[in-house]
């Protein structure tokens, strides 16, 4: 079943799943809020950052499942593609709340490469 933009319960499922994943991922950072000196590292900013990553993960999963499992006519066949594998990786990383951390590490690594302080 592909994600259909016109079906209301698809949006409802993704909204609740995204909120739950973002809240759960934000709980990890509660101790870091008190010790951080970064002005952007606030609970509200972190929640919306996690929310965007979780939304990307759930949307990727919702899109990739019909690509991987084709269950037309009652017989389910498995099909592999590199695009599906990439989307599945984005889905898993996004759902478990690691997209923001991965983006932060990527930007930090690029900044270190540019500055030459590796």
PDB file of N, CA and C in Angstrom:
ATOM      1  N   UNK A   1       0.849  -1.172   0.000  1.00  0.00           N
ATOM      2  CA  UNK A   1       0.000   0.000   0.000  1.00  0.00           C
ATOM      3  C   UNK A   1       0.892   1.231   0.000  1.00  0.00           C
ATOM      4  N   UNK A   2       0.813   2.000  -1.043  1.00  0.00           N
ATOM      5  CA  UNK A   2       1.609   3.217  -1.129  1.00  0.00           C
ATOM      6  C   UNK A   2       0.956   4.336  -0.322  1.00  0.00           C
ATOM      7  N   UNK A   3       1.776   5.280   0.065  1.00  0.00           N
ATOM      8  CA  UNK A   3       1.264   6.452   0.780  1.00  0.00           C
ATOM      9  C   UNK A   3       0.390   7.249  -0.175  1.00  0.00           C
ATOM     10  N   UNK A   4      -0.835   7.458   0.215  1.00  0.00           N
ATOM     11  CA  UNK A   4      -1.779   8.210  -0.605  1.00  0.00           C
ATOM     12  C   UNK A   4      -2.070   9.522   0.109  1.00  0.00           C
ATOM     13  N   UNK A   5      -1.740  10.621  -0.540  1.00  0.00           N
ATOM     14  CA  UNK A   5      -1.884  11.945   0.080  1.00  0.00           C
ATOM     15  C   UNK A   5      -3.343  12.288   0.377  1.00  0.00           C
ATOM     16  N   UNK A   6      -4.280  11.620  -0.295  1.00  0.00           N
ATOM     17  CA  UNK A   6      -5.687  11.914  -0.092  1.00  0.00           C
ATOM     18  C   UNK A   6      -6.349  11.110   1.017  1.00  0.00           C
ATOM     19  N   UNK A   7      -5.664  10.135   1.573  1.00  0.00           N
ATOM     20  CA  UNK A   7      -6.239   9.296   2.627  1.00  0.00           C
ATOM     21  C   UNK A   7      -5.865   9.888   3.987  1.00  0.00           C
ATOM     22  N   UNK A   8      -6.863  10.256   4.770  1.00  0.00           N
ATOM     23  CA  UNK A   8      -6.621  10.981   6.015  1.00  0.00           C
ATOM     24  C   UNK A   8      -5.911  10.138   7.055  1.00  0.00           C
ATOM     25  N   UNK A   9      -6.189   8.837   7.104  1.00  0.00           N
ATOM     26  CA  UNK A   9      -5.584   8.040   8.168  1.00  0.00           C
ATOM     27  C   UNK A   9      -4.110   7.772   7.900  1.00  0.00           C
ATOM     28  N   UNK A  10      -3.655   7.896   6.652  1.00  0.00           N
ATOM     29  CA  UNK A  10      -2.222   7.794   6.388  1.00  0.00           C
ATOM     30  C   UNK A  10      -1.497   8.955   7.072  1.00  0.00           C
ATOM     31  N   UNK A  11      -2.059  10.157   6.932  1.00  0.00           N
ATOM     32  CA  UNK A  11      -1.469  11.331   7.579  1.00  0.00           C
ATOM     33  C   UNK A  11      -1.560  11.223   9.094  1.00  0.00           C
ATOM     34  N   UNK A  12      -2.673  10.704   9.595  1.00  0.00           N
ATOM     35  CA  UNK A  12      -2.844  10.564  11.037  1.00  0.00           C
ATOM     36  C   UNK A  12      -1.818   9.588  11.614  1.00  0.00           C
ATOM     37  N   UNK A  13      -1.626   8.465  10.942  1.00  0.00           N
ATOM     38  CA  UNK A  13      -0.637   7.486  11.404  1.00  0.00           C
ATOM     39  C   UNK A  13       0.757   8.097  11.425  1.00  0.00           C
ATOM     40  N   UNK A  14       1.131   8.757  10.337  1.00  0.00           N
ATOM     41  CA  UNK A  14       2.479   9.336  10.255  1.00  0.00           C
ATOM     42  C   UNK A  14       2.641  10.465  11.273  1.00  0.00           C
ATOM     43  N   UNK A  15       1.597  11.247  11.513  1.00  0.00           N
ATOM     44  CA  UNK A  15       1.681  12.333  12.500  1.00  0.00           C
ATOM     45  C   UNK A  15       1.914  11.780  13.902  1.00  0.00           C
ATOM     46  N   UNK A  16       1.136  10.781  14.308  1.00  0.00           N
ATOM     47  CA  UNK A  16       1.313  10.213  15.650  1.00  0.00           C
ATOM     48  C   UNK A  16       2.644   9.482  15.781  1.00  0.00           C
ATOM     49  N   UNK A  17       3.046   8.762  14.747  1.00  0.00           N
ATOM     50  CA  UNK A  17       4.324   8.060  14.794  1.00  0.00           C
ATOM     51  C   UNK A  17       5.480   9.051  14.858  1.00  0.00           C
ATOM     52  N   UNK A  18       5.380  10.139  14.128  1.00  0.00           N
ATOM     53  CA  UNK A  18       6.425  11.160  14.134  1.00  0.00           C
ATOM     54  C   UNK A  18       6.514  11.845  15.489  1.00  0.00           C
ATOM     55  N   UNK A  19       5.386  12.220  16.056  1.00  0.00           N
ATOM     56  CA  UNK A  19       5.397  12.870  17.371  1.00  0.00           C
ATOM     57  C   UNK A  19       5.966  11.952  18.443  1.00  0.00           C
ATOM     58  N   UNK A  20       5.578  10.689  18.400  1.00  0.00           N
ATOM     59  CA  UNK A  20       6.094   9.739  19.375  1.00  0.00           C
ATOM     60  C   UNK A  20       7.588   9.520  19.242  1.00  0.00           C
ATOM     61  N   UNK A  21       8.051   9.383  18.023  1.00  0.00           N
ATOM     62  CA  UNK A  21       9.488   9.190  17.803  1.00  0.00           C
ATOM     63  C   UNK A  21      10.282  10.423  18.200  1.00  0.00           C
ATOM     64  N   UNK A  22       9.781  11.601  17.876  1.00  0.00           N
ATOM     65  CA  UNK A  22      10.490  12.837  18.217  1.00  0.00           C
ATOM     66  C   UNK A  22      10.546  13.035  19.728  1.00  0.00           C
ATOM     67  N   UNK A  23       9.463  12.764  20.417  1.00  0.00           N
ATOM     68  CA  UNK A  23       9.449  12.902  21.873  1.00  0.00           C
ATOM     69  C   UNK A  23      10.439  11.920  22.507  1.00  0.00           C
ATOM     70  N   UNK A  24      10.423  10.697  22.025  1.00  0.00           N
ATOM     71  CA  UNK A  24      11.315   9.684  22.581  1.00  0.00           C
ATOM     72  C   UNK A  24      12.776  10.034  22.317  1.00  0.00           C
ATOM     73  N   UNK A  25      13.082  10.542  21.131  1.00  0.00           N
ATOM     74  CA  UNK A  25      14.457  10.924  20.817  1.00  0.00           C
ATOM     75  C   UNK A  25      14.890  12.138  21.633  1.00  0.00           C
ATOM     76  N   UNK A  26      13.980  13.040  21.932  1.00  0.00           N
ATOM     77  CA  UNK A  26      14.313  14.240  22.714  1.00  0.00           C
ATOM     78  C   UNK A  26      14.611  13.907  24.167  1.00  0.00           C
ATOM     79  N   UNK A  27      14.025  12.854  24.689  1.00  0.00           N
ATOM     80  CA  UNK A  27      14.280  12.485  26.082  1.00  0.00           C
ATOM     81  C   UNK A  27      15.749  12.173  26.319  1.00  0.00           C
ATOM     82  N   UNK A  28      16.452  11.746  25.283  1.00  0.00           N
ATOM     83  CA  UNK A  28      17.864  11.420  25.404  1.00  0.00           C
ATOM     84  C   UNK A  28      18.689  12.659  25.733  1.00  0.00           C
ATOM     85  N   UNK A  29      18.257  13.812  25.246  1.00  0.00           N
ATOM     86  CA  UNK A  29      19.056  15.022  25.360  1.00  0.00           C
ATOM     87  C   UNK A  29      18.723  15.876  26.585  1.00  0.00           C
ATOM     88  N   UNK A  30      17.879  15.389  27.479  1.00  0.00           N
ATOM     89  CA  UNK A  30      17.453  16.195  28.628  1.00  0.00           C
ATOM     90  C   UNK A  30      18.649  16.605  29.487  1.00  0.00           C
ATOM     91  N   UNK A  31      19.587  15.713  29.756  1.00  0.00           N
ATOM     92  CA  UNK A  31      20.747  16.050  30.585  1.00  0.00           C
ATOM     93  C   UNK A  31      21.687  17.019  29.886  1.00  0.00           C
ATOM     94  N   UNK A  32      21.747  16.951  28.558  1.00  0.00           N
ATOM     95  CA  UNK A  32      22.655  17.829  27.825  1.00  0.00           C
ATOM     96  C   UNK A  32      22.150  19.264  27.758  1.00  0.00           C
ATOM     97  N   UNK A  33      20.860  19.488  27.945  1.00  0.00           N
ATOM     98  CA  UNK A  33      20.316  20.848  27.881  1.00  0.00           C
ATOM     99  C   UNK A  33      20.934  21.736  28.956  1.00  0.00           C
ATOM    100  N   UNK A  34      21.146  21.201  30.138  1.00  0.00           N
ATOM    101  CA  UNK A  34      21.664  21.999  31.253  1.00  0.00           C
ATOM    102  C   UNK A  34      23.142  22.344  31.068  1.00  0.00           C
ATOM    103  N   UNK A  35      23.908  21.488  30.411  1.00  0.00           N
ATOM    104  CA  UNK A  35      25.350  21.712  30.301  1.00  0.00           C
ATOM    105  C   UNK A  35      25.765  22.333  28.966  1.00  0.00           C
ATOM    106  N   UNK A  36      24.858  22.477  28.032  1.00  0.00           N
ATOM    107  CA  UNK A  36      25.222  22.996  26.713  1.00  0.00           C
ATOM    108  C   UNK A  36      25.344  24.514  26.737  1.00  0.00           C
ATOM    109  N   UNK A  37      26.332  25.024  26.011  1.00  0.00           N
ATOM    110  CA  UNK A  37      26.514  26.468  25.887  1.00  0.00           C
ATOM    111  C   UNK A  37      26.083  26.960  24.518  1.00  0.00           C
ATOM    112  N   UNK A  38      25.545  26.084  23.710  1.00  0.00           N
ATOM    113  CA  UNK A  38      25.098  26.434  22.368  1.00  0.00           C
ATOM    114  C   UNK A  38      23.708  27.065  22.470  1.00  0.00           C
ATOM    115  N   UNK A  39      23.510  28.281  21.946  1.00  0.00           N
ATOM    116  CA  UNK A  39      22.197  28.926  22.070  1.00  0.00           C
ATOM    117  C   UNK A  39      21.108  28.227  21.257  1.00  0.00           C
ATOM    118  N   UNK A  40      21.499  27.454  20.231  1.00  0.00           N
ATOM    119  CA  UNK A  40      20.491  26.735  19.441  1.00  0.00           C
ATOM    120  C   UNK A  40      20.102  25.405  20.067  1.00  0.00           C
ATOM    121  N   UNK A  41      20.829  24.997  21.094  1.00  0.00           N
ATOM    122  CA  UNK A  41      20.567  23.708  21.716  1.00  0.00           C
ATOM    123  C   UNK A  41      19.544  23.880  22.835  1.00  0.00           C
ATOM    124  N   UNK A  42      18.326  24.142  22.447  1.00  0.00           N
ATOM    125  CA  UNK A  42      17.236  24.304  23.398  1.00  0.00           C
ATOM    126  C   UNK A  42      16.261  23.151  23.212  1.00  0.00           C
ATOM    127  N   UNK A  43      15.458  22.855  24.215  1.00  0.00           N
ATOM    128  CA  UNK A  43      14.521  21.748  24.067  1.00  0.00           C
ATOM    129  C   UNK A  43      13.555  21.918  22.889  1.00  0.00           C
ATOM    130  N   UNK A  44      13.075  23.118  22.646  1.00  0.00           N
ATOM    131  CA  UNK A  44      12.117  23.324  21.562  1.00  0.00           C
ATOM    132  C   UNK A  44      12.775  23.122  20.198  1.00  0.00           C
ATOM    133  N   UNK A  45      13.976  23.688  20.042  1.00  0.00           N
ATOM    134  CA  UNK A  45      14.702  23.512  18.786  1.00  0.00           C
ATOM    135  C   UNK A  45      15.012  22.038  18.553  1.00  0.00           C
ATOM    136  N   UNK A  46      15.471  21.359  19.606  1.00  0.00           N
ATOM    137  CA  UNK A  46      15.815  19.936  19.478  1.00  0.00           C
ATOM    138  C   UNK A  46      14.581  19.110  19.143  1.00  0.00           C
ATOM    139  N   UNK A  47      13.425  19.440  19.723  1.00  0.00           N
ATOM    140  CA  UNK A  47      12.202  18.696  19.429  1.00  0.00           C
ATOM    141  C   UNK A  47      11.829  18.831  17.954  1.00  0.00           C
ATOM    142  N   UNK A  48      11.875  20.040  17.418  1.00  0.00           N
ATOM    143  CA  UNK A  48      11.510  20.215  16.015  1.00  0.00           C
ATOM    144  C   UNK A  48      12.563  19.627  15.076  1.00  0.00           C
ATOM    145  N   UNK A  49      13.801  19.644  15.493  1.00  0.00           N
ATOM    146  CA  UNK A  49      14.871  19.003  14.730  1.00  0.00           C
ATOM    147  C   UNK A  49      14.627  17.492  14.668  1.00  0.00           C
ATOM    148  N   UNK A  50      14.310  16.903  15.800  1.00  0.00           N
ATOM    149  CA  UNK A  50      13.988  15.470  15.861  1.00  0.00           C
ATOM    150  C   UNK A  50      12.691  15.169  15.112  1.00  0.00           C
ATOM    151  N   UNK A  51      11.730  16.088  15.191  1.00  0.00           N
ATOM    152  CA  UNK A  51      10.456  15.906  14.497  1.00  0.00           C
ATOM    153  C   UNK A  51      10.671  15.827  12.986  1.00  0.00           C
ATOM    154  N   UNK A  52      11.510  16.702  12.451  1.00  0.00           N
ATOM    155  CA  UNK A  52      11.784  16.685  11.011  1.00  0.00           C
ATOM    156  C   UNK A  52      12.493  15.395  10.607  1.00  0.00           C
ATOM    157  N   UNK A  53      13.453  14.955  11.405  1.00  0.00           N
ATOM    158  CA  UNK A  53      14.148  13.703  11.106  1.00  0.00           C
ATOM    159  C   UNK A  53      13.243  12.502  11.186  1.00  0.00           C
ATOM    160  N   UNK A  54      12.382  12.473  12.187  1.00  0.00           N
ATOM    161  CA  UNK A  54      11.439  11.371  12.345  1.00  0.00           C
ATOM    162  C   UNK A  54      10.422  11.346  11.212  1.00  0.00           C
ATOM    163  N   UNK A  55       9.953  12.526  10.814  1.00  0.00           N
ATOM    164  CA  UNK A  55       9.005  12.608   9.700  1.00  0.00           C
ATOM    165  C   UNK A  55       9.637  12.063   8.420  1.00  0.00           C
ATOM    166  N   UNK A  56      10.889  12.424   8.176  1.00  0.00           N
ATOM    167  CA  UNK A  56      11.594  11.902   6.997  1.00  0.00           C
ATOM    168  C   UNK A  56      11.718  10.388   7.074  1.00  0.00           C
ATOM    169  N   UNK A  57      11.988   9.869   8.257  1.00  0.00           N
ATOM    170  CA  UNK A  57      12.100   8.424   8.424  1.00  0.00           C
ATOM    171  C   UNK A  57      10.796   7.689   8.177  1.00  0.00           C
ATOM    172  N   UNK A  58       9.711   8.179   8.781  1.00  0.00           N
ATOM    173  CA  UNK A  58       8.420   7.507   8.599  1.00  0.00           C
ATOM    174  C   UNK A  58       7.916   7.615   7.169  1.00  0.00           C
ATOM    175  N   UNK A  59       8.129   8.767   6.523  1.00  0.00           N
ATOM    176  CA  UNK A  59       7.720   8.907   5.127  1.00  0.00           C
ATOM    177  C   UNK A  59       8.537   7.987   4.226  1.00  0.00           C
ATOM    178  N   UNK A  60       9.813   7.840   4.506  1.00  0.00           N
ATOM    179  CA  UNK A  60      10.650   6.927   3.726  1.00  0.00           C
ATOM    180  C   UNK A  60      10.184   5.492   3.885  1.00  0.00           C
ATOM    181  N   UNK A  61       9.884   5.102   5.124  1.00  0.00           N
ATOM    182  CA  UNK A  61       9.404   3.735   5.361  1.00  0.00           C
ATOM    183  C   UNK A  61       8.077   3.500   4.669  1.00  0.00           C
ATOM    184  N   UNK A  62       7.180   4.459   4.753  1.00  0.00           N
ATOM    185  CA  UNK A  62       5.855   4.325   4.141  1.00  0.00           C
ATOM    186  C   UNK A  62       5.972   4.209   2.625  1.00  0.00           C
ATOM    187  N   UNK A  63       6.985   4.863   2.052  1.00  0.00           N
ATOM    188  CA  UNK A  63       7.186   4.808   0.607  1.00  0.00           C
ATOM    189  C   UNK A  63       7.921   3.540   0.173  1.00  0.00           C
ATOM    190  N   UNK A  64       8.888   3.075   0.992  1.00  0.00           N
ATOM    191  CA  UNK A  64       9.739   1.966   0.567  1.00  0.00           C
ATOM    192  C   UNK A  64       9.081   0.598   0.761  1.00  0.00           C
ATOM    193  N   UNK A  65       8.195   0.444   1.701  1.00  0.00           N
ATOM    194  CA  UNK A  65       7.585  -0.872   1.922  1.00  0.00           C
ATOM    195  C   UNK A  65       6.886  -1.434   0.682  1.00  0.00           C
ATOM    196  N   UNK A  66       6.078  -0.655  -0.045  1.00  0.00           N
ATOM    197  CA  UNK A  66       5.494  -1.210  -1.265  1.00  0.00           C
ATOM    198  C   UNK A  66       6.520  -1.467  -2.366  1.00  0.00           C
ATOM    199  N   UNK A  67       7.651  -0.781  -2.338  1.00  0.00           N
ATOM    200  CA  UNK A  67       8.688  -1.054  -3.333  1.00  0.00           C
ATOM    201  C   UNK A  67       9.369  -2.388  -3.072  1.00  0.00           C
ATOM    202  N   UNK A  68       9.537  -2.719  -1.801  1.00  0.00           N
ATOM    203  CA  UNK A  68      10.243  -3.938  -1.433  1.00  0.00           C
ATOM    204  C   UNK A  68       9.320  -5.153  -1.473  1.00  0.00           C
ATOM    205  N   UNK A  69       8.127  -5.021  -0.943  1.00  0.00           N
ATOM    206  CA  UNK A  69       7.190  -6.131  -0.902  1.00  0.00           C
ATOM    207  C   UNK A  69       6.021  -5.830  -1.828  1.00  0.00           C
ATOM    208  N   UNK A  70       5.943  -6.566  -2.925  1.00  0.00           N
ATOM    209  CA  UNK A  70       4.861  -6.399  -3.882  1.00  0.00           C
ATOM    210  C   UNK A  70       3.854  -7.512  -3.630  1.00  0.00           C
ATOM    211  N   UNK A  71       2.744  -7.170  -2.998  1.00  0.00           N
ATOM    212  CA  UNK A  71       1.761  -8.179  -2.591  1.00  0.00           C
ATOM    213  C   UNK A  71       0.468  -8.073  -3.394  1.00  0.00           C
ATOM    214  N   UNK A  72       0.572  -7.969  -4.690  1.00  0.00           N
ATOM    215  CA  UNK A  72      -0.627  -7.931  -5.522  1.00  0.00           C
ATOM    216  C   UNK A  72      -1.112  -9.344  -5.781  1.00  0.00           C
ATOM    217  N   UNK A  73      -2.374  -9.549  -5.645  1.00  0.00           N
ATOM    218  CA  UNK A  73      -2.948 -10.860  -5.930  1.00  0.00           C
ATOM    219  C   UNK A  73      -2.672 -11.913  -4.882  1.00  0.00           C
ATOM    220  N   UNK A  74      -2.226 -11.515  -3.691  1.00  0.00           N
ATOM    221  CA  UNK A  74      -2.053 -12.469  -2.609  1.00  0.00           C
ATOM    222  C   UNK A  74      -0.669 -13.093  -2.523  1.00  0.00           C
ATOM    223  N   UNK A  75       0.141 -13.038  -3.579  1.00  0.00           N
ATOM    224  CA  UNK A  75       1.488 -13.605  -3.472  1.00  0.00           C
ATOM    225  C   UNK A  75       2.494 -12.468  -3.307  1.00  0.00           C
ATOM    226  N   UNK A  76       3.229 -12.515  -2.217  1.00  0.00           N
ATOM    227  CA  UNK A  76       4.193 -11.467  -1.916  1.00  0.00           C
ATOM    228  C   UNK A  76       5.555 -11.857  -2.470  1.00  0.00           C
ATOM    229  N   UNK A  77       6.097 -10.997  -3.285  1.00  0.00           N
ATOM    230  CA  UNK A  77       7.432 -11.217  -3.827  1.00  0.00           C
ATOM    231  C   UNK A  77       8.341 -10.098  -3.330  1.00  0.00           C
ATOM    232  N   UNK A  78       9.572 -10.471  -3.079  1.00  0.00           N
ATOM    233  CA  UNK A  78      10.566  -9.521  -2.581  1.00  0.00           C
ATOM    234  C   UNK A  78      11.375  -9.010  -3.758  1.00  0.00           C
ATOM    235  N   UNK A  79      11.523  -7.693  -3.853  1.00  0.00           N
ATOM    236  CA  UNK A  79      12.362  -7.120  -4.914  1.00  0.00           C
ATOM    237  C   UNK A  79      13.353  -6.159  -4.277  1.00  0.00           C
ATOM    238  N   UNK A  80      14.604  -6.253  -4.681  1.00  0.00           N
ATOM    239  CA  UNK A  80      15.670  -5.431  -4.122  1.00  0.00           C
ATOM    240  C   UNK A  80      16.092  -4.379  -5.137  1.00  0.00           C
ATOM    241  N   UNK A  81      16.272  -3.162  -4.644  1.00  0.00           N
ATOM    242  CA  UNK A  81      16.874  -2.105  -5.459  1.00  0.00           C
ATOM    243  C   UNK A  81      17.749  -1.256  -4.543  1.00  0.00           C
ATOM    244  N   UNK A  82      18.749  -0.621  -5.108  1.00  0.00           N
ATOM    245  CA  UNK A  82      19.633   0.219  -4.300  1.00  0.00           C
ATOM    246  C   UNK A  82      18.898   1.441  -3.770  1.00  0.00           C
ATOM    247  N   UNK A  83      17.953   1.955  -4.542  1.00  0.00           N
ATOM    248  CA  UNK A  83      17.143   3.083  -4.070  1.00  0.00           C
ATOM    249  C   UNK A  83      16.318   2.667  -2.855  1.00  0.00           C
ATOM    250  N   UNK A  84      15.732   1.466  -2.914  1.00  0.00           N
ATOM    251  CA  UNK A  84      14.970   0.953  -1.777  1.00  0.00           C
ATOM    252  C   UNK A  84      15.842   0.737  -0.550  1.00  0.00           C
ATOM    253  N   UNK A  85      17.070   0.259  -0.764  1.00  0.00           N
ATOM    254  CA  UNK A  85      17.993   0.063   0.361  1.00  0.00           C
ATOM    255  C   UNK A  85      18.385   1.397   0.987  1.00  0.00           C
ATOM    256  N   UNK A  86      18.612   2.411   0.153  1.00  0.00           N
ATOM    257  CA  UNK A  86      18.943   3.742   0.664  1.00  0.00           C
ATOM    258  C   UNK A  86      17.773   4.331   1.457  1.00  0.00           C
ATOM    259  N   UNK A  87      16.558   4.203   0.917  1.00  0.00           N
ATOM    260  CA  UNK A  87      15.385   4.716   1.633  1.00  0.00           C
ATOM    261  C   UNK A  87      15.144   3.954   2.931  1.00  0.00           C
ATOM    262  N   UNK A  88      15.404   2.654   2.932  1.00  0.00           N
ATOM    263  CA  UNK A  88      15.245   1.878   4.155  1.00  0.00           C
ATOM    264  C   UNK A  88      16.247   2.340   5.213  1.00  0.00           C
ATOM    265  N   UNK A  89      17.467   2.644   4.799  1.00  0.00           N
ATOM    266  CA  UNK A  89      18.461   3.162   5.747  1.00  0.00           C
ATOM    267  C   UNK A  89      18.022   4.510   6.305  1.00  0.00           C
ATOM    268  N   UNK A  90      17.508   5.398   5.452  1.00  0.00           N
ATOM    269  CA  UNK A  90      17.000   6.703   5.912  1.00  0.00           C
ATOM    270  C   UNK A  90      15.832   6.493   6.868  1.00  0.00           C
ATOM    271  N   UNK A  91      14.969   5.531   6.562  1.00  0.00           N
ATOM    272  CA  UNK A  91      13.813   5.261   7.418  1.00  0.00           C
ATOM    273  C   UNK A  91      14.245   4.796   8.803  1.00  0.00           C
ATOM    274  N   UNK A  92      15.160   3.845   8.853  1.00  0.00           N
ATOM    275  CA  UNK A  92      15.599   3.321  10.150  1.00  0.00           C
ATOM    276  C   UNK A  92      16.314   4.398  10.962  1.00  0.00           C
ATOM    277  N   UNK A  93      17.200   5.135  10.315  1.00  0.00           N
ATOM    278  CA  UNK A  93      17.939   6.185  11.018  1.00  0.00           C
ATOM    279  C   UNK A  93      16.990   7.289  11.480  1.00  0.00           C
ATOM    280  N   UNK A  94      16.013   7.640  10.642  1.00  0.00           N
ATOM    281  CA  UNK A  94      15.066   8.690  11.001  1.00  0.00           C
ATOM    282  C   UNK A  94      14.115   8.297  12.111  1.00  0.00           C
ATOM    283  N   UNK A  95      13.595   7.086  12.036  1.00  0.00           N
ATOM    284  CA  UNK A  95      12.628   6.640  13.037  1.00  0.00           C
ATOM    285  C   UNK A  95      13.262   6.558  14.421  1.00  0.00           C
ATOM    286  N   UNK A  96      14.517   6.124  14.476  1.00  0.00           N
ATOM    287  CA  UNK A  96      15.176   5.994  15.774  1.00  0.00           C
ATOM    288  C   UNK A  96      15.861   7.271  16.242  1.00  0.00           C
ATOM    289  N   UNK A  97      15.695   8.374  15.504  1.00  0.00           N
ATOM    290  CA  UNK A  97      16.143   9.681  15.967  1.00  0.00           C
ATOM    291  C   UNK A  97      17.604   9.993  15.749  1.00  0.00           C
ATOM    292  N   UNK A  98      18.234   9.383  14.760  1.00  0.00           N
ATOM    293  CA  UNK A  98      19.651   9.629  14.537  1.00  0.00           C
ATOM    294  C   UNK A  98      19.946  10.545  13.349  1.00  0.00           C
ATOM    295  N   UNK A  99      18.942  10.989  12.613  1.00  0.00           N
ATOM    296  CA  UNK A  99      19.190  11.888  11.490  1.00  0.00           C
ATOM    297  C   UNK A  99      19.780  13.221  11.966  1.00  0.00           C
ATOM    298  N   UNK A 100      19.249  13.863  13.001  1.00  0.00           N
ATOM    299  CA  UNK A 100      19.863  15.122  13.449  1.00  0.00           C
ATOM    300  C   UNK A 100      21.319  14.956  13.874  1.00  0.00           C
ATOM    301  N   UNK A 101      21.620  13.895  14.606  1.00  0.00           N
ATOM    302  CA  UNK A 101      22.998  13.665  15.019  1.00  0.00           C
ATOM    303  C   UNK A 101      23.910  13.397  13.836  1.00  0.00           C
ATOM    304  N   UNK A 102      23.406  12.652  12.859  1.00  0.00           N
ATOM    305  CA  UNK A 102      24.200  12.365  11.663  1.00  0.00           C
ATOM    306  C   UNK A 102      24.468  13.650  10.870  1.00  0.00           C
ATOM    307  N   UNK A 103      23.463  14.501  10.764  1.00  0.00           N
ATOM    308  CA  UNK A 103      23.657  15.774  10.047  1.00  0.00           C
ATOM    309  C   UNK A 103      24.656  16.655  10.796  1.00  0.00           C
ATOM    310  N   UNK A 104      24.548  16.695  12.126  1.00  0.00           N
ATOM    311  CA  UNK A 104      25.499  17.491  12.918  1.00  0.00           C
ATOM    312  C   UNK A 104      26.931  16.997  12.730  1.00  0.00           C
ATOM    313  N   UNK A 105      27.127  15.685  12.771  1.00  0.00           N
ATOM    314  CA  UNK A 105      28.470  15.115  12.592  1.00  0.00           C
ATOM    315  C   UNK A 105      28.993  15.372  11.181  1.00  0.00           C
ATOM    316  N   UNK A 106      28.119  15.278  10.184  1.00  0.00           N
ATOM    317  CA  UNK A 106      28.527  15.539   8.806  1.00  0.00           C
ATOM    318  C   UNK A 106      28.969  16.987   8.632  1.00  0.00           C
ATOM    319  N   UNK A 107      28.186  17.917   9.151  1.00  0.00           N
ATOM    320  CA  UNK A 107      28.546  19.338   9.050  1.00  0.00           C
ATOM    321  C   UNK A 107      29.833  19.617   9.826  1.00  0.00           C
ATOM    322  N   UNK A 108      29.976  19.016  11.005  1.00  0.00           N
ATOM    323  CA  UNK A 108      31.190  19.199  11.793  1.00  0.00           C
ATOM    324  C   UNK A 108      32.414  18.641  11.057  1.00  0.00           C
ATOM    325  N   UNK A 109      32.255  17.482  10.430  1.00  0.00           N
ATOM    326  CA  UNK A 109      33.353  16.885   9.678  1.00  0.00           C
ATOM    327  C   UNK A 109      33.748  17.722   8.466  1.00  0.00           C
ATOM    328  N   UNK A 110      32.782  18.261   7.762  1.00  0.00           N
ATOM    329  CA  UNK A 110      33.072  19.126   6.619  1.00  0.00           C
ATOM    330  C   UNK A 110      33.762  20.402   7.092  1.00  0.00           C
ATOM    331  N   UNK A 111      33.302  20.949   8.205  1.00  0.00           N
ATOM    332  CA  UNK A 111      33.938  22.139   8.766  1.00  0.00           C
ATOM    333  C   UNK A 111      35.390  21.879   9.152  1.00  0.00           C
ATOM    334  N   UNK A 112      35.671  20.708   9.707  1.00  0.00           N
ATOM    335  CA  UNK A 112      37.047  20.370  10.067  1.00  0.00           C
ATOM    336  C   UNK A 112      37.919  20.155   8.828  1.00  0.00           C
ATOM    337  N   UNK A 113      37.342  19.562   7.804  1.00  0.00           N
ATOM    338  CA  UNK A 113      38.088  19.391   6.557  1.00  0.00           C
ATOM    339  C   UNK A 113      38.450  20.727   5.940  1.00  0.00           C
ATOM    340  N   UNK A 114      37.507  21.642   5.949  1.00  0.00           N
ATOM    341  CA  UNK A 114      37.736  22.957   5.354  1.00  0.00           C
ATOM    342  C   UNK A 114      38.760  23.745   6.165  1.00  0.00           C
ATOM    343  N   UNK A 115      38.672  23.650   7.476  1.00  0.00           N
ATOM    344  CA  UNK A 115      39.608  24.409   8.322  1.00  0.00           C
ATOM    345  C   UNK A 115      40.970  23.740   8.439  1.00  0.00           C
ATOM    346  N   UNK A 116      41.059  22.474   8.062  1.00  0.00           N
ATOM    347  CA  UNK A 116      42.346  21.779   8.104  1.00  0.00           C
ATOM    348  C   UNK A 116      42.766  21.334   9.489  1.00  0.00           C
ATOM    349  N   UNK A 117      41.822  21.198  10.405  1.00  0.00           N
ATOM    350  CA  UNK A 117      42.171  20.809  11.778  1.00  0.00           C
ATOM    351  C   UNK A 117      41.829  19.351  12.059  1.00  0.00           C
ATOM    352  N   UNK A 118      42.006  18.493  11.081  1.00  0.00           N
ATOM    353  CA  UNK A 118      41.736  17.067  11.302  1.00  0.00           C
ATOM    354  C   UNK A 118      42.783  16.407  12.122  1.00  0.00           C
TER     355      UNK A 118
END
